[in-house]
């Protein structure tokens, strides 16, 4: 059986990259600043959990292997999102 669901890659950009892209797109319209236009306020940021938050969530797990896997996996994903080892 084949899976016909289409995979969509998610691309993440830093706030600085988004600001630069907006400024590049608005290169010839210097009517207002980024802060004044409020574009960034309309975006929903993805906030990555801290190491403390990851550890706190893993306290609810019963199995030590599940706990270790959850912590390692969470830190791996965060590292990849932030541009770590590809």
PDB file of N, CA and C in Angstrom:
ATOM      1  N   UNK A   1       0.848  -1.172   0.000  1.00  0.00           N
ATOM      2  CA  UNK A   1       0.000   0.000   0.000  1.00  0.00           C
ATOM      3  C   UNK A   1       0.897   1.239   0.000  1.00  0.00           C
ATOM      4  N   UNK A   2       0.572   2.197  -0.819  1.00  0.00           N
ATOM      5  CA  UNK A   2       1.363   3.423  -0.875  1.00  0.00           C
ATOM      6  C   UNK A   2       0.634   4.548  -0.165  1.00  0.00           C
ATOM      7  N   UNK A   3       1.412   5.475   0.335  1.00  0.00           N
ATOM      8  CA  UNK A   3       0.850   6.626   1.028  1.00  0.00           C
ATOM      9  C   UNK A   3       0.799   7.783   0.039  1.00  0.00           C
ATOM     10  N   UNK A   4      -0.390   8.260  -0.265  1.00  0.00           N
ATOM     11  CA  UNK A   4      -0.548   9.324  -1.256  1.00  0.00           C
ATOM     12  C   UNK A   4      -0.518  10.720  -0.658  1.00  0.00           C
ATOM     13  N   UNK A   5      -0.274  10.808   0.649  1.00  0.00           N
ATOM     14  CA  UNK A   5      -0.210  12.127   1.268  1.00  0.00           C
ATOM     15  C   UNK A   5       1.043  12.844   0.785  1.00  0.00           C
ATOM     16  N   UNK A   6       0.878  14.076   0.391  1.00  0.00           N
ATOM     17  CA  UNK A   6       2.014  14.852  -0.085  1.00  0.00           C
ATOM     18  C   UNK A   6       2.754  15.457   1.103  1.00  0.00           C
ATOM     19  N   UNK A   7       4.051  15.256   1.146  1.00  0.00           N
ATOM     20  CA  UNK A   7       4.884  15.805   2.212  1.00  0.00           C
ATOM     21  C   UNK A   7       5.197  17.269   1.896  1.00  0.00           C
ATOM     22  N   UNK A   8       5.076  18.124   2.886  1.00  0.00           N
ATOM     23  CA  UNK A   8       5.395  19.537   2.728  1.00  0.00           C
ATOM     24  C   UNK A   8       6.513  19.882   3.689  1.00  0.00           C
ATOM     25  N   UNK A   9       7.607  20.381   3.144  1.00  0.00           N
ATOM     26  CA  UNK A   9       8.732  20.772   3.986  1.00  0.00           C
ATOM     27  C   UNK A   9       8.396  22.081   4.682  1.00  0.00           C
ATOM     28  N   UNK A  10       8.803  22.190   5.917  1.00  0.00           N
ATOM     29  CA  UNK A  10       8.613  23.415   6.682  1.00  0.00           C
ATOM     30  C   UNK A  10       9.953  24.110   6.756  1.00  0.00           C
ATOM     31  N   UNK A  11       9.963  25.360   6.379  1.00  0.00           N
ATOM     32  CA  UNK A  11      11.193  26.139   6.455  1.00  0.00           C
ATOM     33  C   UNK A  11      11.038  27.174   7.551  1.00  0.00           C
ATOM     34  N   UNK A  12      12.054  27.306   8.374  1.00  0.00           N
ATOM     35  CA  UNK A  12      12.037  28.254   9.473  1.00  0.00           C
ATOM     36  C   UNK A  12      13.092  29.321   9.227  1.00  0.00           C
ATOM     37  N   UNK A  13      12.766  30.544   9.570  1.00  0.00           N
ATOM     38  CA  UNK A  13      13.681  31.659   9.407  1.00  0.00           C
ATOM     39  C   UNK A  13      13.776  32.427  10.716  1.00  0.00           C
ATOM     40  N   UNK A  14      14.935  33.012  10.958  1.00  0.00           N
ATOM     41  CA  UNK A  14      15.092  33.809  12.165  1.00  0.00           C
ATOM     42  C   UNK A  14      14.360  35.134  12.002  1.00  0.00           C
ATOM     43  N   UNK A  15      14.130  35.796  13.119  1.00  0.00           N
ATOM     44  CA  UNK A  15      13.467  37.096  13.076  1.00  0.00           C
ATOM     45  C   UNK A  15      14.273  38.086  12.240  1.00  0.00           C
ATOM     46  N   UNK A  16      15.584  38.031  12.372  1.00  0.00           N
ATOM     47  CA  UNK A  16      16.436  38.934  11.592  1.00  0.00           C
ATOM     48  C   UNK A  16      16.307  38.667  10.093  1.00  0.00           C
ATOM     49  N   UNK A  17      16.216  37.398   9.707  1.00  0.00           N
ATOM     50  CA  UNK A  17      16.054  37.062   8.299  1.00  0.00           C
ATOM     51  C   UNK A  17      14.714  37.552   7.762  1.00  0.00           C
ATOM     52  N   UNK A  18      13.672  37.443   8.570  1.00  0.00           N
ATOM     53  CA  UNK A  18      12.349  37.918   8.154  1.00  0.00           C
ATOM     54  C   UNK A  18      12.377  39.434   7.974  1.00  0.00           C
ATOM     55  N   UNK A  19      13.010  40.132   8.926  1.00  0.00           N
ATOM     56  CA  UNK A  19      13.109  41.596   8.814  1.00  0.00           C
ATOM     57  C   UNK A  19      13.849  41.981   7.541  1.00  0.00           C
ATOM     58  N   UNK A  20      14.942  41.274   7.247  1.00  0.00           N
ATOM     59  CA  UNK A  20      15.720  41.581   6.057  1.00  0.00           C
ATOM     60  C   UNK A  20      14.887  41.326   4.794  1.00  0.00           C
ATOM     61  N   UNK A  21      14.114  40.249   4.780  1.00  0.00           N
ATOM     62  CA  UNK A  21      13.278  39.935   3.623  1.00  0.00           C
ATOM     63  C   UNK A  21      12.208  41.007   3.410  1.00  0.00           C
ATOM     64  N   UNK A  22      11.610  41.468   4.498  1.00  0.00           N
ATOM     65  CA  UNK A  22      10.588  42.523   4.381  1.00  0.00           C
ATOM     66  C   UNK A  22      11.225  43.800   3.844  1.00  0.00           C
ATOM     67  N   UNK A  23      12.382  44.133   4.358  1.00  0.00           N
ATOM     68  CA  UNK A  23      13.062  45.338   3.886  1.00  0.00           C
ATOM     69  C   UNK A  23      13.462  45.207   2.415  1.00  0.00           C
ATOM     70  N   UNK A  24      13.895  44.009   2.000  1.00  0.00           N
ATOM     71  CA  UNK A  24      14.247  43.797   0.590  1.00  0.00           C
ATOM     72  C   UNK A  24      13.015  43.933  -0.304  1.00  0.00           C
ATOM     73  N   UNK A  25      11.888  43.406   0.151  1.00  0.00           N
ATOM     74  CA  UNK A  25      10.656  43.485  -0.625  1.00  0.00           C
ATOM     75  C   UNK A  25      10.134  44.916  -0.692  1.00  0.00           C
ATOM     76  N   UNK A  26      10.429  45.696   0.317  1.00  0.00           N
ATOM     77  CA  UNK A  26       9.957  47.080   0.407  1.00  0.00           C
ATOM     78  C   UNK A  26      11.089  48.053   0.076  1.00  0.00           C
ATOM     79  N   UNK A  27      11.997  47.607  -0.759  1.00  0.00           N
ATOM     80  CA  UNK A  27      13.216  48.361  -1.041  1.00  0.00           C
ATOM     81  C   UNK A  27      12.958  49.804  -1.476  1.00  0.00           C
ATOM     82  N   UNK A  28      11.907  50.039  -2.218  1.00  0.00           N
ATOM     83  CA  UNK A  28      11.681  51.372  -2.768  1.00  0.00           C
ATOM     84  C   UNK A  28      10.520  52.113  -2.117  1.00  0.00           C
ATOM     85  N   UNK A  29       9.967  51.569  -1.050  1.00  0.00           N
ATOM     86  CA  UNK A  29       8.881  52.235  -0.335  1.00  0.00           C
ATOM     87  C   UNK A  29       9.331  52.504   1.087  1.00  0.00           C
ATOM     88  N   UNK A  30       9.800  53.679   1.331  1.00  0.00           N
ATOM     89  CA  UNK A  30      10.307  54.023   2.660  1.00  0.00           C
ATOM     90  C   UNK A  30       9.264  54.803   3.453  1.00  0.00           C
ATOM     91  N   UNK A  31       8.023  54.392   3.352  1.00  0.00           N
ATOM     92  CA  UNK A  31       6.952  55.143   3.989  1.00  0.00           C
ATOM     93  C   UNK A  31       6.940  54.967   5.504  1.00  0.00           C
ATOM     94  N   UNK A  32       7.163  53.740   5.977  1.00  0.00           N
ATOM     95  CA  UNK A  32       7.135  53.479   7.408  1.00  0.00           C
ATOM     96  C   UNK A  32       8.219  52.461   7.770  1.00  0.00           C
ATOM     97  N   UNK A  33       8.539  52.386   9.032  1.00  0.00           N
ATOM     98  CA  UNK A  33       9.524  51.408   9.493  1.00  0.00           C
ATOM     99  C   UNK A  33       8.823  50.074   9.762  1.00  0.00           C
ATOM    100  N   UNK A  34       9.621  49.027   9.946  1.00  0.00           N
ATOM    101  CA  UNK A  34       9.056  47.716  10.244  1.00  0.00           C
ATOM    102  C   UNK A  34       8.208  47.738  11.509  1.00  0.00           C
ATOM    103  N   UNK A  35       8.686  48.455  12.503  1.00  0.00           N
ATOM    104  CA  UNK A  35       7.942  48.529  13.762  1.00  0.00           C
ATOM    105  C   UNK A  35       6.599  49.227  13.559  1.00  0.00           C
ATOM    106  N   UNK A  36       6.587  50.259  12.736  1.00  0.00           N
ATOM    107  CA  UNK A  36       5.356  51.010  12.505  1.00  0.00           C
ATOM    108  C   UNK A  36       4.333  50.222  11.692  1.00  0.00           C
ATOM    109  N   UNK A  37       4.795  49.399  10.762  1.00  0.00           N
ATOM    110  CA  UNK A  37       3.844  48.679   9.912  1.00  0.00           C
ATOM    111  C   UNK A  37       3.193  47.500  10.641  1.00  0.00           C
ATOM    112  N   UNK A  38       3.835  46.989  11.688  1.00  0.00           N
ATOM    113  CA  UNK A  38       3.238  45.941  12.504  1.00  0.00           C
ATOM    114  C   UNK A  38       3.168  44.564  11.859  1.00  0.00           C
ATOM    115  N   UNK A  39       3.922  44.339  10.792  1.00  0.00           N
ATOM    116  CA  UNK A  39       3.880  43.039  10.122  1.00  0.00           C
ATOM    117  C   UNK A  39       4.317  41.925  11.061  1.00  0.00           C
ATOM    118  N   UNK A  40       5.397  42.139  11.795  1.00  0.00           N
ATOM    119  CA  UNK A  40       5.910  41.089  12.668  1.00  0.00           C
ATOM    120  C   UNK A  40       4.930  40.733  13.779  1.00  0.00           C
ATOM    121  N   UNK A  41       4.112  41.693  14.178  1.00  0.00           N
ATOM    122  CA  UNK A  41       3.116  41.421  15.230  1.00  0.00           C
ATOM    123  C   UNK A  41       2.004  40.497  14.744  1.00  0.00           C
ATOM    124  N   UNK A  42       1.852  40.371  13.427  1.00  0.00           N
ATOM    125  CA  UNK A  42       0.809  39.531  12.860  1.00  0.00           C
ATOM    126  C   UNK A  42       1.280  38.086  12.660  1.00  0.00           C
ATOM    127  N   UNK A  43       2.569  37.831  12.860  1.00  0.00           N
ATOM    128  CA  UNK A  43       3.121  36.490  12.689  1.00  0.00           C
ATOM    129  C   UNK A  43       3.101  35.743  14.013  1.00  0.00           C
ATOM    130  N   UNK A  44       2.965  34.434  13.937  1.00  0.00           N
ATOM    131  CA  UNK A  44       2.997  33.603  15.128  1.00  0.00           C
ATOM    132  C   UNK A  44       4.363  32.923  15.193  1.00  0.00           C
ATOM    133  N   UNK A  45       5.187  33.306  16.150  1.00  0.00           N
ATOM    134  CA  UNK A  45       6.513  32.699  16.222  1.00  0.00           C
ATOM    135  C   UNK A  45       6.451  31.276  16.773  1.00  0.00           C
ATOM    136  N   UNK A  46       7.422  30.484  16.374  1.00  0.00           N
ATOM    137  CA  UNK A  46       7.580  29.148  16.944  1.00  0.00           C
ATOM    138  C   UNK A  46       8.612  29.283  18.046  1.00  0.00           C
ATOM    139  N   UNK A  47       8.200  28.988  19.257  1.00  0.00           N
ATOM    140  CA  UNK A  47       9.118  29.107  20.386  1.00  0.00           C
ATOM    141  C   UNK A  47       9.608  27.724  20.774  1.00  0.00           C
ATOM    142  N   UNK A  48      10.915  27.559  20.764  1.00  0.00           N
ATOM    143  CA  UNK A  48      11.506  26.278  21.119  1.00  0.00           C
ATOM    144  C   UNK A  48      11.614  26.167  22.629  1.00  0.00           C
ATOM    145  N   UNK A  49      11.364  24.978  23.172  1.00  0.00           N
ATOM    146  CA  UNK A  49      11.452  24.818  24.623  1.00  0.00           C
ATOM    147  C   UNK A  49      12.897  24.871  25.104  1.00  0.00           C
ATOM    148  N   UNK A  50      13.070  25.346  26.319  1.00  0.00           N
ATOM    149  CA  UNK A  50      14.395  25.371  26.938  1.00  0.00           C
ATOM    150  C   UNK A  50      14.729  23.981  27.455  1.00  0.00           C
ATOM    151  N   UNK A  51      15.981  23.760  27.808  1.00  0.00           N
ATOM    152  CA  UNK A  51      16.387  22.482  28.397  1.00  0.00           C
ATOM    153  C   UNK A  51      15.576  22.198  29.661  1.00  0.00           C
ATOM    154  N   UNK A  52      15.304  23.241  30.443  1.00  0.00           N
ATOM    155  CA  UNK A  52      14.531  23.072  31.671  1.00  0.00           C
ATOM    156  C   UNK A  52      13.110  22.628  31.370  1.00  0.00           C
ATOM    157  N   UNK A  53      12.500  23.194  30.325  1.00  0.00           N
ATOM    158  CA  UNK A  53      11.137  22.814  29.959  1.00  0.00           C
ATOM    159  C   UNK A  53      11.087  21.368  29.454  1.00  0.00           C
ATOM    160  N   UNK A  54      12.103  20.968  28.711  1.00  0.00           N
ATOM    161  CA  UNK A  54      12.173  19.588  28.228  1.00  0.00           C
ATOM    162  C   UNK A  54      12.277  18.630  29.412  1.00  0.00           C
ATOM    163  N   UNK A  55      13.138  18.961  30.357  1.00  0.00           N
ATOM    164  CA  UNK A  55      13.305  18.099  31.528  1.00  0.00           C
ATOM    165  C   UNK A  55      12.015  18.041  32.346  1.00  0.00           C
ATOM    166  N   UNK A  56      11.358  19.181  32.500  1.00  0.00           N
ATOM    167  CA  UNK A  56      10.109  19.225  33.270  1.00  0.00           C
ATOM    168  C   UNK A  56       9.050  18.329  32.636  1.00  0.00           C
ATOM    169  N   UNK A  57       8.915  18.383  31.312  1.00  0.00           N
ATOM    170  CA  UNK A  57       7.927  17.548  30.621  1.00  0.00           C
ATOM    171  C   UNK A  57       8.264  16.068  30.736  1.00  0.00           C
ATOM    172  N   UNK A  58       9.550  15.745  30.746  1.00  0.00           N
ATOM    173  CA  UNK A  58       9.947  14.338  30.783  1.00  0.00           C
ATOM    174  C   UNK A  58       9.730  13.716  32.166  1.00  0.00           C
ATOM    175  N   UNK A  59       9.494  14.520  33.183  1.00  0.00           N
ATOM    176  CA  UNK A  59       9.249  13.997  34.533  1.00  0.00           C
ATOM    177  C   UNK A  59       7.966  13.182  34.614  1.00  0.00           C
ATOM    178  N   UNK A  60       7.063  13.392  33.667  1.00  0.00           N
ATOM    179  CA  UNK A  60       5.776  12.698  33.693  1.00  0.00           C
ATOM    180  C   UNK A  60       5.838  11.326  33.038  1.00  0.00           C
ATOM    181  N   UNK A  61       7.005  10.958  32.531  1.00  0.00           N
ATOM    182  CA  UNK A  61       7.147   9.676  31.837  1.00  0.00           C
ATOM    183  C   UNK A  61       7.532   8.591  32.826  1.00  0.00           C
ATOM    184  N   UNK A  62       6.952   7.425  32.638  1.00  0.00           N
ATOM    185  CA  UNK A  62       7.169   6.313  33.567  1.00  0.00           C
ATOM    186  C   UNK A  62       8.420   5.506  33.248  1.00  0.00           C
ATOM    187  N   UNK A  63       8.782   5.427  31.987  1.00  0.00           N
ATOM    188  CA  UNK A  63       9.872   4.566  31.548  1.00  0.00           C
ATOM    189  C   UNK A  63      11.148   5.376  31.358  1.00  0.00           C
ATOM    190  N   UNK A  64      12.270   4.895  31.891  1.00  0.00           N
ATOM    191  CA  UNK A  64      13.536   5.621  31.801  1.00  0.00           C
ATOM    192  C   UNK A  64      14.003   5.745  30.347  1.00  0.00           C
ATOM    193  N   UNK A  65      13.792   4.690  29.546  1.00  0.00           N
ATOM    194  CA  UNK A  65      14.194   4.765  28.134  1.00  0.00           C
ATOM    195  C   UNK A  65      13.354   5.787  27.371  1.00  0.00           C
ATOM    196  N   UNK A  66      12.081   5.847  27.714  1.00  0.00           N
ATOM    197  CA  UNK A  66      11.200   6.842  27.088  1.00  0.00           C
ATOM    198  C   UNK A  66      11.659   8.251  27.467  1.00  0.00           C
ATOM    199  N   UNK A  67      12.021   8.426  28.729  1.00  0.00           N
ATOM    200  CA  UNK A  67      12.477   9.727  29.219  1.00  0.00           C
ATOM    201  C   UNK A  67      13.756  10.160  28.505  1.00  0.00           C
ATOM    202  N   UNK A  68      14.720   9.257  28.464  1.00  0.00           N
ATOM    203  CA  UNK A  68      16.002   9.566  27.815  1.00  0.00           C
ATOM    204  C   UNK A  68      15.796   9.829  26.327  1.00  0.00           C
ATOM    205  N   UNK A  69      14.961   9.022  25.691  1.00  0.00           N
ATOM    206  CA  UNK A  69      14.673   9.204  24.269  1.00  0.00           C
ATOM    207  C   UNK A  69      13.989  10.528  23.987  1.00  0.00           C
ATOM    208  N   UNK A  70      13.036  10.868  24.839  1.00  0.00           N
ATOM    209  CA  UNK A  70      12.327  12.144  24.682  1.00  0.00           C
ATOM    210  C   UNK A  70      13.289  13.324  24.803  1.00  0.00           C
ATOM    211  N   UNK A  71      14.137  13.288  25.832  1.00  0.00           N
ATOM    212  CA  UNK A  71      15.085  14.381  26.043  1.00  0.00           C
ATOM    213  C   UNK A  71      16.082  14.477  24.890  1.00  0.00           C
ATOM    214  N   UNK A  72      16.653  13.343  24.501  1.00  0.00           N
ATOM    215  CA  UNK A  72      17.639  13.345  23.417  1.00  0.00           C
ATOM    216  C   UNK A  72      17.002  13.773  22.101  1.00  0.00           C
ATOM    217  N   UNK A  73      15.811  13.249  21.824  1.00  0.00           N
ATOM    218  CA  UNK A  73      15.124  13.608  20.588  1.00  0.00           C
ATOM    219  C   UNK A  73      14.751  15.077  20.528  1.00  0.00           C
ATOM    220  N   UNK A  74      14.278  15.609  21.648  1.00  0.00           N
ATOM    221  CA  UNK A  74      13.905  17.026  21.704  1.00  0.00           C
ATOM    222  C   UNK A  74      15.115  17.912  21.439  1.00  0.00           C
ATOM    223  N   UNK A  75      16.217  17.599  22.091  1.00  0.00           N
ATOM    224  CA  UNK A  75      17.433  18.400  21.921  1.00  0.00           C
ATOM    225  C   UNK A  75      17.990  18.263  20.514  1.00  0.00           C
ATOM    226  N   UNK A  76      17.860  17.068  19.908  1.00  0.00           N
ATOM    227  CA  UNK A  76      18.317  16.852  18.536  1.00  0.00           C
ATOM    228  C   UNK A  76      17.517  17.730  17.571  1.00  0.00           C
ATOM    229  N   UNK A  77      16.188  17.719  17.712  1.00  0.00           N
ATOM    230  CA  UNK A  77      15.328  18.504  16.820  1.00  0.00           C
ATOM    231  C   UNK A  77      15.622  19.999  16.970  1.00  0.00           C
ATOM    232  N   UNK A  78      15.774  20.464  18.195  1.00  0.00           N
ATOM    233  CA  UNK A  78      16.070  21.872  18.421  1.00  0.00           C
ATOM    234  C   UNK A  78      17.405  22.245  17.783  1.00  0.00           C
ATOM    235  N   UNK A  79      18.400  21.379  17.923  1.00  0.00           N
ATOM    236  CA  UNK A  79      19.709  21.623  17.326  1.00  0.00           C
ATOM    237  C   UNK A  79      19.595  21.721  15.808  1.00  0.00           C
ATOM    238  N   UNK A  80      18.814  20.832  15.206  1.00  0.00           N
ATOM    239  CA  UNK A  80      18.651  20.850  13.747  1.00  0.00           C
ATOM    240  C   UNK A  80      17.922  22.124  13.294  1.00  0.00           C
ATOM    241  N   UNK A  81      16.899  22.521  14.017  1.00  0.00           N
ATOM    242  CA  UNK A  81      16.149  23.738  13.680  1.00  0.00           C
ATOM    243  C   UNK A  81      17.058  24.955  13.739  1.00  0.00           C
ATOM    244  N   UNK A  82      17.955  24.965  14.717  1.00  0.00           N
ATOM    245  CA  UNK A  82      18.843  26.105  14.894  1.00  0.00           C
ATOM    246  C   UNK A  82      20.056  26.047  13.971  1.00  0.00           C
ATOM    247  N   UNK A  83      20.090  25.077  13.060  1.00  0.00           N
ATOM    248  CA  UNK A  83      21.172  25.020  12.076  1.00  0.00           C
ATOM    249  C   UNK A  83      22.343  24.163  12.475  1.00  0.00           C
ATOM    250  N   UNK A  84      22.168  23.301  13.467  1.00  0.00           N
ATOM    251  CA  UNK A  84      23.239  22.406  13.900  1.00  0.00           C
ATOM    252  C   UNK A  84      23.547  21.364  12.850  1.00  0.00           C
ATOM    253  N   UNK A  85      24.361  20.387  13.203  1.00  0.00           N
ATOM    254  CA  UNK A  85      24.846  19.351  12.279  1.00  0.00           C
ATOM    255  C   UNK A  85      23.759  18.881  11.333  1.00  0.00           C
ATOM    256  N   UNK A  86      24.030  19.013  10.068  1.00  0.00           N
ATOM    257  CA  UNK A  86      23.034  18.655   9.047  1.00  0.00           C
ATOM    258  C   UNK A  86      23.335  17.319   8.450  1.00  0.00           C
TER     259      UNK A  86
END
